[in-house]
């Protein structure tokens, strides 16, 4: 990985952290990033906002999948055995 790529990742991570913190506090993360980093191009803020949103979406999907898997497992072990009991 080049140092330029690493710097870009670090900048994006910093902007995404600002967005996430603002959204966690019930604020508009995009607007907060624009306020905190006025010199950053709009397209970079937009990209960071999209990545932060994608990360939240992925976390939501993982939560849904864990919930469904947990329910299926609970149902499977709670169901009476059919036929050939050990």
PDB file of N, CA and C in Angstrom:
ATOM      1  N   UNK A   1       0.846  -1.170   0.000  1.00  0.00           N
ATOM      2  CA  UNK A   1       0.000   0.000   0.000  1.00  0.00           C
ATOM      3  C   UNK A   1       0.893   1.235   0.000  1.00  0.00           C
ATOM      4  N   UNK A   2       0.561   2.169  -0.858  1.00  0.00           N
ATOM      5  CA  UNK A   2       1.370   3.380  -0.929  1.00  0.00           C
ATOM      6  C   UNK A   2       1.014   4.316   0.216  1.00  0.00           C
ATOM      7  N   UNK A   3       1.951   5.220   0.513  1.00  0.00           N
ATOM      8  CA  UNK A   3       1.692   6.166   1.602  1.00  0.00           C
ATOM      9  C   UNK A   3       0.545   7.105   1.256  1.00  0.00           C
ATOM     10  N   UNK A   4       0.366   7.414  -0.039  1.00  0.00           N
ATOM     11  CA  UNK A   4      -0.743   8.261  -0.465  1.00  0.00           C
ATOM     12  C   UNK A   4      -2.069   7.583  -0.155  1.00  0.00           C
ATOM     13  N   UNK A   5      -2.156   6.295  -0.445  1.00  0.00           N
ATOM     14  CA  UNK A   5      -3.366   5.539  -0.167  1.00  0.00           C
ATOM     15  C   UNK A   5      -3.643   5.513   1.329  1.00  0.00           C
ATOM     16  N   UNK A   6      -2.600   5.320   2.123  1.00  0.00           N
ATOM     17  CA  UNK A   6      -2.738   5.290   3.572  1.00  0.00           C
ATOM     18  C   UNK A   6      -3.212   6.638   4.112  1.00  0.00           C
ATOM     19  N   UNK A   7      -2.697   7.713   3.582  1.00  0.00           N
ATOM     20  CA  UNK A   7      -3.119   9.053   4.007  1.00  0.00           C
ATOM     21  C   UNK A   7      -4.586   9.271   3.664  1.00  0.00           C
ATOM     22  N   UNK A   8      -4.983   8.851   2.480  1.00  0.00           N
ATOM     23  CA  UNK A   8      -6.388   8.996   2.088  1.00  0.00           C
ATOM     24  C   UNK A   8      -7.296   8.218   3.029  1.00  0.00           C
ATOM     25  N   UNK A   9      -6.900   7.002   3.361  1.00  0.00           N
ATOM     26  CA  UNK A   9      -7.697   6.185   4.290  1.00  0.00           C
ATOM     27  C   UNK A   9      -7.811   6.867   5.645  1.00  0.00           C
ATOM     28  N   UNK A  10      -6.710   7.422   6.121  1.00  0.00           N
ATOM     29  CA  UNK A  10      -6.728   8.088   7.422  1.00  0.00           C
ATOM     30  C   UNK A  10      -7.635   9.313   7.410  1.00  0.00           C
ATOM     31  N   UNK A  11      -7.584  10.080   6.326  1.00  0.00           N
ATOM     32  CA  UNK A  11      -8.445  11.257   6.203  1.00  0.00           C
ATOM     33  C   UNK A  11      -9.909  10.825   6.161  1.00  0.00           C
ATOM     34  N   UNK A  12     -10.211   9.812   5.350  1.00  0.00           N
ATOM     35  CA  UNK A  12     -11.583   9.323   5.255  1.00  0.00           C
ATOM     36  C   UNK A  12     -12.063   8.802   6.613  1.00  0.00           C
ATOM     37  N   UNK A  13     -11.207   8.074   7.310  1.00  0.00           N
ATOM     38  CA  UNK A  13     -11.578   7.565   8.641  1.00  0.00           C
ATOM     39  C   UNK A  13     -11.901   8.704   9.601  1.00  0.00           C
ATOM     40  N   UNK A  14     -11.107   9.761   9.556  1.00  0.00           N
ATOM     41  CA  UNK A  14     -11.340  10.915  10.436  1.00  0.00           C
ATOM     42  C   UNK A  14     -12.675  11.582  10.124  1.00  0.00           C
ATOM     43  N   UNK A  15     -12.958  11.766   8.857  1.00  0.00           N
ATOM     44  CA  UNK A  15     -14.226  12.388   8.458  1.00  0.00           C
ATOM     45  C   UNK A  15     -15.398  11.481   8.833  1.00  0.00           C
ATOM     46  N   UNK A  16     -15.258  10.176   8.585  1.00  0.00           N
ATOM     47  CA  UNK A  16     -16.326   9.236   8.926  1.00  0.00           C
ATOM     48  C   UNK A  16     -16.572   9.195  10.433  1.00  0.00           C
ATOM     49  N   UNK A  17     -15.517   9.329  11.218  1.00  0.00           N
ATOM     50  CA  UNK A  17     -15.684   9.367  12.675  1.00  0.00           C
ATOM     51  C   UNK A  17     -16.508  10.578  13.079  1.00  0.00           C
ATOM     52  N   UNK A  18     -16.226  11.717  12.483  1.00  0.00           N
ATOM     53  CA  UNK A  18     -16.999  12.929  12.757  1.00  0.00           C
ATOM     54  C   UNK A  18     -18.468  12.718  12.394  1.00  0.00           C
ATOM     55  N   UNK A  19     -18.707  12.098  11.251  1.00  0.00           N
ATOM     56  CA  UNK A  19     -20.076  11.846  10.793  1.00  0.00           C
ATOM     57  C   UNK A  19     -20.791  10.899  11.762  1.00  0.00           C
ATOM     58  N   UNK A  20     -20.121   9.819  12.130  1.00  0.00           N
ATOM     59  CA  UNK A  20     -20.747   8.834  13.031  1.00  0.00           C
ATOM     60  C   UNK A  20     -21.057   9.443  14.399  1.00  0.00           C
ATOM     61  N   UNK A  21     -20.117  10.201  14.933  1.00  0.00           N
ATOM     62  CA  UNK A  21     -20.333  10.817  16.244  1.00  0.00           C
ATOM     63  C   UNK A  21     -21.518  11.777  16.215  1.00  0.00           C
ATOM     64  N   UNK A  22     -21.611  12.557  15.153  1.00  0.00           N
ATOM     65  CA  UNK A  22     -22.724  13.495  15.021  1.00  0.00           C
ATOM     66  C   UNK A  22     -24.045  12.735  14.917  1.00  0.00           C
ATOM     67  N   UNK A  23     -24.066  11.694  14.097  1.00  0.00           N
ATOM     68  CA  UNK A  23     -25.304  10.934  13.927  1.00  0.00           C
ATOM     69  C   UNK A  23     -25.683  10.208  15.213  1.00  0.00           C
ATOM     70  N   UNK A  24     -24.693   9.718  15.941  1.00  0.00           N
ATOM     71  CA  UNK A  24     -24.973   9.074  17.230  1.00  0.00           C
ATOM     72  C   UNK A  24     -25.605  10.056  18.216  1.00  0.00           C
ATOM     73  N   UNK A  25     -25.280  11.335  18.049  1.00  0.00           N
ATOM     74  CA  UNK A  25     -25.832  12.381  18.915  1.00  0.00           C
ATOM     75  C   UNK A  25     -27.129  12.956  18.355  1.00  0.00           C
ATOM     76  N   UNK A  26     -27.648  12.334  17.278  1.00  0.00           N
ATOM     77  CA  UNK A  26     -28.909  12.775  16.700  1.00  0.00           C
ATOM     78  C   UNK A  26     -28.789  13.962  15.766  1.00  0.00           C
ATOM     79  N   UNK A  27     -27.567  14.269  15.351  1.00  0.00           N
ATOM     80  CA  UNK A  27     -27.348  15.398  14.451  1.00  0.00           C
ATOM     81  C   UNK A  27     -27.165  14.910  13.012  1.00  0.00           C
ATOM     82  N   UNK A  28     -27.166  15.843  12.095  1.00  0.00           N
ATOM     83  CA  UNK A  28     -26.910  15.559  10.689  1.00  0.00           C
ATOM     84  C   UNK A  28     -25.405  15.394  10.500  1.00  0.00           C
ATOM     85  N   UNK A  29     -24.964  14.160  10.274  1.00  0.00           N
ATOM     86  CA  UNK A  29     -23.543  13.871  10.157  1.00  0.00           C
ATOM     87  C   UNK A  29     -22.883  14.558   8.978  1.00  0.00           C
ATOM     88  N   UNK A  30     -23.599  14.624   7.870  1.00  0.00           N
ATOM     89  CA  UNK A  30     -23.056  15.275   6.681  1.00  0.00           C
ATOM     90  C   UNK A  30     -22.831  16.763   6.945  1.00  0.00           C
ATOM     91  N   UNK A  31     -23.834  17.413   7.512  1.00  0.00           N
ATOM     92  CA  UNK A  31     -23.719  18.848   7.807  1.00  0.00           C
ATOM     93  C   UNK A  31     -22.601  19.109   8.808  1.00  0.00           C
ATOM     94  N   UNK A  32     -22.473  18.222   9.788  1.00  0.00           N
ATOM     95  CA  UNK A  32     -21.408  18.391  10.782  1.00  0.00           C
ATOM     96  C   UNK A  32     -20.029  18.270  10.137  1.00  0.00           C
ATOM     97  N   UNK A  33     -19.878  17.309   9.252  1.00  0.00           N
ATOM     98  CA  UNK A  33     -18.587  17.158   8.568  1.00  0.00           C
ATOM     99  C   UNK A  33     -18.286  18.380   7.704  1.00  0.00           C
ATOM    100  N   UNK A  34     -19.299  18.933   7.059  1.00  0.00           N
ATOM    101  CA  UNK A  34     -19.096  20.150   6.250  1.00  0.00           C
ATOM    102  C   UNK A  34     -18.679  21.304   7.162  1.00  0.00           C
ATOM    103  N   UNK A  35     -19.276  21.368   8.366  1.00  0.00           N
ATOM    104  CA  UNK A  35     -18.953  22.452   9.291  1.00  0.00           C
ATOM    105  C   UNK A  35     -17.535  22.291   9.839  1.00  0.00           C
ATOM    106  N   UNK A  36     -17.184  21.068  10.234  1.00  0.00           N
ATOM    107  CA  UNK A  36     -15.882  20.828  10.856  1.00  0.00           C
ATOM    108  C   UNK A  36     -14.752  20.896   9.834  1.00  0.00           C
ATOM    109  N   UNK A  37     -15.026  20.471   8.611  1.00  0.00           N
ATOM    110  CA  UNK A  37     -13.982  20.428   7.570  1.00  0.00           C
ATOM    111  C   UNK A  37     -14.405  21.256   6.356  1.00  0.00           C
ATOM    112  N   UNK A  38     -14.490  22.577   6.504  1.00  0.00           N
ATOM    113  CA  UNK A  38     -14.989  23.412   5.396  1.00  0.00           C
ATOM    114  C   UNK A  38     -14.089  23.411   4.163  1.00  0.00           C
ATOM    115  N   UNK A  39     -12.819  23.098   4.326  1.00  0.00           N
ATOM    116  CA  UNK A  39     -11.907  23.124   3.179  1.00  0.00           C
ATOM    117  C   UNK A  39     -11.908  21.815   2.384  1.00  0.00           C
ATOM    118  N   UNK A  40     -12.550  20.792   2.925  1.00  0.00           N
ATOM    119  CA  UNK A  40     -12.577  19.491   2.243  1.00  0.00           C
ATOM    120  C   UNK A  40     -13.618  19.564   1.126  1.00  0.00           C
ATOM    121  N   UNK A  41     -13.260  19.094  -0.067  1.00  0.00           N
ATOM    122  CA  UNK A  41     -14.222  19.126  -1.174  1.00  0.00           C
ATOM    123  C   UNK A  41     -15.509  18.371  -0.842  1.00  0.00           C
ATOM    124  N   UNK A  42     -16.611  18.888  -1.343  1.00  0.00           N
ATOM    125  CA  UNK A  42     -17.917  18.289  -1.114  1.00  0.00           C
ATOM    126  C   UNK A  42     -17.934  16.822  -1.516  1.00  0.00           C
ATOM    127  N   UNK A  43     -17.276  16.489  -2.604  1.00  0.00           N
ATOM    128  CA  UNK A  43     -17.284  15.098  -3.069  1.00  0.00           C
ATOM    129  C   UNK A  43     -16.595  14.164  -2.075  1.00  0.00           C
ATOM    130  N   UNK A  44     -15.583  14.655  -1.375  1.00  0.00           N
ATOM    131  CA  UNK A  44     -14.887  13.833  -0.380  1.00  0.00           C
ATOM    132  C   UNK A  44     -15.788  13.635   0.843  1.00  0.00           C
ATOM    133  N   UNK A  45     -16.452  14.691   1.285  1.00  0.00           N
ATOM    134  CA  UNK A  45     -17.394  14.583   2.405  1.00  0.00           C
ATOM    135  C   UNK A  45     -18.514  13.615   2.025  1.00  0.00           C
ATOM    136  N   UNK A  46     -19.013  13.744   0.815  1.00  0.00           N
ATOM    137  CA  UNK A  46     -20.094  12.863   0.352  1.00  0.00           C
ATOM    138  C   UNK A  46     -19.642  11.410   0.332  1.00  0.00           C
ATOM    139  N   UNK A  47     -18.438  11.166  -0.134  1.00  0.00           N
ATOM    140  CA  UNK A  47     -17.902   9.802  -0.153  1.00  0.00           C
ATOM    141  C   UNK A  47     -17.782   9.244   1.263  1.00  0.00           C
ATOM    142  N   UNK A  48     -17.273  10.052   2.186  1.00  0.00           N
ATOM    143  CA  UNK A  48     -17.131   9.619   3.578  1.00  0.00           C
ATOM    144  C   UNK A  48     -18.511   9.343   4.184  1.00  0.00           C
ATOM    145  N   UNK A  49     -19.481  10.199   3.898  1.00  0.00           N
ATOM    146  CA  UNK A  49     -20.840  10.023   4.399  1.00  0.00           C
ATOM    147  C   UNK A  49     -21.449   8.721   3.863  1.00  0.00           C
ATOM    148  N   UNK A  50     -21.211   8.441   2.579  1.00  0.00           N
ATOM    149  CA  UNK A  50     -21.726   7.202   1.982  1.00  0.00           C
ATOM    150  C   UNK A  50     -21.083   5.978   2.623  1.00  0.00           C
ATOM    151  N   UNK A  51     -19.772   6.034   2.850  1.00  0.00           N
ATOM    152  CA  UNK A  51     -19.077   4.912   3.488  1.00  0.00           C
ATOM    153  C   UNK A  51     -19.577   4.704   4.923  1.00  0.00           C
ATOM    154  N   UNK A  52     -19.764   5.787   5.641  1.00  0.00           N
ATOM    155  CA  UNK A  52     -20.262   5.679   7.013  1.00  0.00           C
ATOM    156  C   UNK A  52     -21.662   5.069   7.014  1.00  0.00           C
ATOM    157  N   UNK A  53     -22.487   5.479   6.069  1.00  0.00           N
ATOM    158  CA  UNK A  53     -23.827   4.913   5.951  1.00  0.00           C
ATOM    159  C   UNK A  53     -23.789   3.444   5.593  1.00  0.00           C
ATOM    160  N   UNK A  54     -22.888   3.092   4.709  1.00  0.00           N
ATOM    161  CA  UNK A  54     -22.731   1.684   4.317  1.00  0.00           C
ATOM    162  C   UNK A  54     -22.313   0.845   5.526  1.00  0.00           C
ATOM    163  N   UNK A  55     -21.392   1.365   6.311  1.00  0.00           N
ATOM    164  CA  UNK A  55     -20.946   0.646   7.511  1.00  0.00           C
ATOM    165  C   UNK A  55     -22.112   0.436   8.478  1.00  0.00           C
ATOM    166  N   UNK A  56     -22.947   1.457   8.644  1.00  0.00           N
ATOM    167  CA  UNK A  56     -24.118   1.328   9.522  1.00  0.00           C
ATOM    168  C   UNK A  56     -25.099   0.293   8.959  1.00  0.00           C
ATOM    169  N   UNK A  57     -25.288   0.332   7.636  1.00  0.00           N
ATOM    170  CA  UNK A  57     -26.183  -0.644   7.003  1.00  0.00           C
ATOM    171  C   UNK A  57     -25.674  -2.063   7.217  1.00  0.00           C
ATOM    172  N   UNK A  58     -24.386  -2.262   7.042  1.00  0.00           N
ATOM    173  CA  UNK A  58     -23.801  -3.590   7.230  1.00  0.00           C
ATOM    174  C   UNK A  58     -23.956  -4.064   8.675  1.00  0.00           C
ATOM    175  N   UNK A  59     -23.778  -3.152   9.615  1.00  0.00           N
ATOM    176  CA  UNK A  59     -23.959  -3.508  11.023  1.00  0.00           C
ATOM    177  C   UNK A  59     -25.410  -3.888  11.291  1.00  0.00           C
ATOM    178  N   UNK A  60     -26.347  -3.184  10.667  1.00  0.00           N
ATOM    179  CA  UNK A  60     -27.761  -3.504  10.829  1.00  0.00           C
ATOM    180  C   UNK A  60     -28.062  -4.884  10.259  1.00  0.00           C
ATOM    181  N   UNK A  61     -27.574  -5.149   9.045  1.00  0.00           N
ATOM    182  CA  UNK A  61     -27.802  -6.464   8.436  1.00  0.00           C
ATOM    183  C   UNK A  61     -27.205  -7.573   9.300  1.00  0.00           C
ATOM    184  N   UNK A  62     -26.019  -7.371   9.818  1.00  0.00           N
ATOM    185  CA  UNK A  62     -25.391  -8.386  10.677  1.00  0.00           C
ATOM    186  C   UNK A  62     -26.245  -8.637  11.910  1.00  0.00           C
ATOM    187  N   UNK A  63     -26.811  -7.592  12.474  1.00  0.00           N
ATOM    188  CA  UNK A  63     -27.679  -7.725  13.639  1.00  0.00           C
ATOM    189  C   UNK A  63     -28.933  -8.528  13.294  1.00  0.00           C
ATOM    190  N   UNK A  64     -29.532  -8.233  12.162  1.00  0.00           N
ATOM    191  CA  UNK A  64     -30.719  -8.965  11.715  1.00  0.00           C
ATOM    192  C   UNK A  64     -30.378 -10.439  11.513  1.00  0.00           C
ATOM    193  N   UNK A  65     -29.261 -10.695  10.854  1.00  0.00           N
ATOM    194  CA  UNK A  65     -28.862 -12.079  10.597  1.00  0.00           C
ATOM    195  C   UNK A  65     -28.605 -12.836  11.896  1.00  0.00           C
ATOM    196  N   UNK A  66     -27.946 -12.195  12.853  1.00  0.00           N
ATOM    197  CA  UNK A  66     -27.698 -12.845  14.149  1.00  0.00           C
ATOM    198  C   UNK A  66     -29.009 -13.132  14.869  1.00  0.00           C
ATOM    199  N   UNK A  67     -29.945 -12.190  14.812  1.00  0.00           N
ATOM    200  CA  UNK A  67     -31.238 -12.373  15.462  1.00  0.00           C
ATOM    201  C   UNK A  67     -31.982 -13.555  14.848  1.00  0.00           C
ATOM    202  N   UNK A  68     -32.014 -13.599  13.532  1.00  0.00           N
ATOM    203  CA  UNK A  68     -32.716 -14.685  12.851  1.00  0.00           C
ATOM    204  C   UNK A  68     -32.038 -16.015  13.129  1.00  0.00           C
ATOM    205  N   UNK A  69     -30.718 -16.060  13.045  1.00  0.00           N
ATOM    206  CA  UNK A  69     -29.994 -17.296  13.333  1.00  0.00           C
ATOM    207  C   UNK A  69     -30.254 -17.750  14.765  1.00  0.00           C
ATOM    208  N   UNK A  70     -30.249 -16.798  15.698  1.00  0.00           N
ATOM    209  CA  UNK A  70     -30.504 -17.128  17.094  1.00  0.00           C
ATOM    210  C   UNK A  70     -31.897 -17.694  17.294  1.00  0.00           C
ATOM    211  N   UNK A  71     -32.886 -17.100  16.632  1.00  0.00           N
ATOM    212  CA  UNK A  71     -34.256 -17.591  16.748  1.00  0.00           C
ATOM    213  C   UNK A  71     -34.390 -18.983  16.151  1.00  0.00           C
ATOM    214  N   UNK A  72     -33.761 -19.213  15.023  1.00  0.00           N
ATOM    215  CA  UNK A  72     -33.814 -20.530  14.384  1.00  0.00           C
ATOM    216  C   UNK A  72     -33.173 -21.575  15.283  1.00  0.00           C
ATOM    217  N   UNK A  73     -32.045 -21.230  15.858  1.00  0.00           N
ATOM    218  CA  UNK A  73     -31.356 -22.173  16.753  1.00  0.00           C
ATOM    219  C   UNK A  73     -32.223 -22.450  17.980  1.00  0.00           C
ATOM    220  N   UNK A  74     -32.806 -21.400  18.563  1.00  0.00           N
ATOM    221  CA  UNK A  74     -33.665 -21.585  19.739  1.00  0.00           C
ATOM    222  C   UNK A  74     -34.859 -22.480  19.410  1.00  0.00           C
ATOM    223  N   UNK A  75     -35.464 -22.261  18.263  1.00  0.00           N
ATOM    224  CA  UNK A  75     -36.599 -23.098  17.857  1.00  0.00           C
ATOM    225  C   UNK A  75     -36.160 -24.541  17.646  1.00  0.00           C
ATOM    226  N   UNK A  76     -35.001 -24.718  17.037  1.00  0.00           N
ATOM    227  CA  UNK A  76     -34.523 -26.064  16.746  1.00  0.00           C
ATOM    228  C   UNK A  76     -34.246 -26.847  18.020  1.00  0.00           C
ATOM    229  N   UNK A  77     -33.652 -26.212  19.004  1.00  0.00           N
ATOM    230  CA  UNK A  77     -33.318 -26.957  20.217  1.00  0.00           C
ATOM    231  C   UNK A  77     -34.509 -27.071  21.165  1.00  0.00           C
ATOM    232  N   UNK A  78     -35.523 -26.218  20.973  1.00  0.00           N
ATOM    233  CA  UNK A  78     -36.709 -26.273  21.818  1.00  0.00           C
ATOM    234  C   UNK A  78     -37.758 -27.233  21.260  1.00  0.00           C
ATOM    235  N   UNK A  79     -37.661 -27.570  19.995  1.00  0.00           N
ATOM    236  CA  UNK A  79     -38.649 -28.435  19.359  1.00  0.00           C
ATOM    237  C   UNK A  79     -38.491 -29.868  19.882  1.00  0.00           C
ATOM    238  N   UNK A  80     -39.623 -30.546  20.058  1.00  0.00           N
ATOM    239  CA  UNK A  80     -39.530 -31.941  20.495  1.00  0.00           C
ATOM    240  C   UNK A  80     -38.872 -32.790  19.414  1.00  0.00           C
ATOM    241  N   UNK A  81     -38.119 -33.771  19.860  1.00  0.00           N
ATOM    242  CA  UNK A  81     -37.442 -34.674  18.928  1.00  0.00           C
ATOM    243  C   UNK A  81     -38.492 -35.511  18.209  1.00  0.00           C
ATOM    244  N   UNK A  82     -38.273 -35.749  16.932  1.00  0.00           N
ATOM    245  CA  UNK A  82     -39.178 -36.585  16.153  1.00  0.00           C
ATOM    246  C   UNK A  82     -38.465 -37.888  15.812  1.00  0.00           C
ATOM    247  N   UNK A  83     -39.087 -38.971  16.162  1.00  0.00           N
ATOM    248  CA  UNK A  83     -38.522 -40.265  15.829  1.00  0.00           C
ATOM    249  C   UNK A  83     -37.250 -40.535  16.605  1.00  0.00           C
ATOM    250  N   UNK A  84     -36.466 -41.420  16.210  1.00  0.00           N
ATOM    251  CA  UNK A  84     -35.243 -41.945  16.767  1.00  0.00           C
ATOM    252  C   UNK A  84     -34.533 -41.131  17.815  1.00  0.00           C
ATOM    253  N   UNK A  85     -35.090 -41.042  19.014  1.00  0.00           N
ATOM    254  CA  UNK A  85     -34.396 -40.345  20.102  1.00  0.00           C
ATOM    255  C   UNK A  85     -33.180 -41.147  20.528  1.00  0.00           C
ATOM    256  N   UNK A  86     -32.167 -40.475  20.947  1.00  0.00           N
ATOM    257  CA  UNK A  86     -30.927 -41.151  21.348  1.00  0.00           C
ATOM    258  C   UNK A  86     -31.020 -41.759  22.708  1.00  0.00           C
TER     259      UNK A  86
END
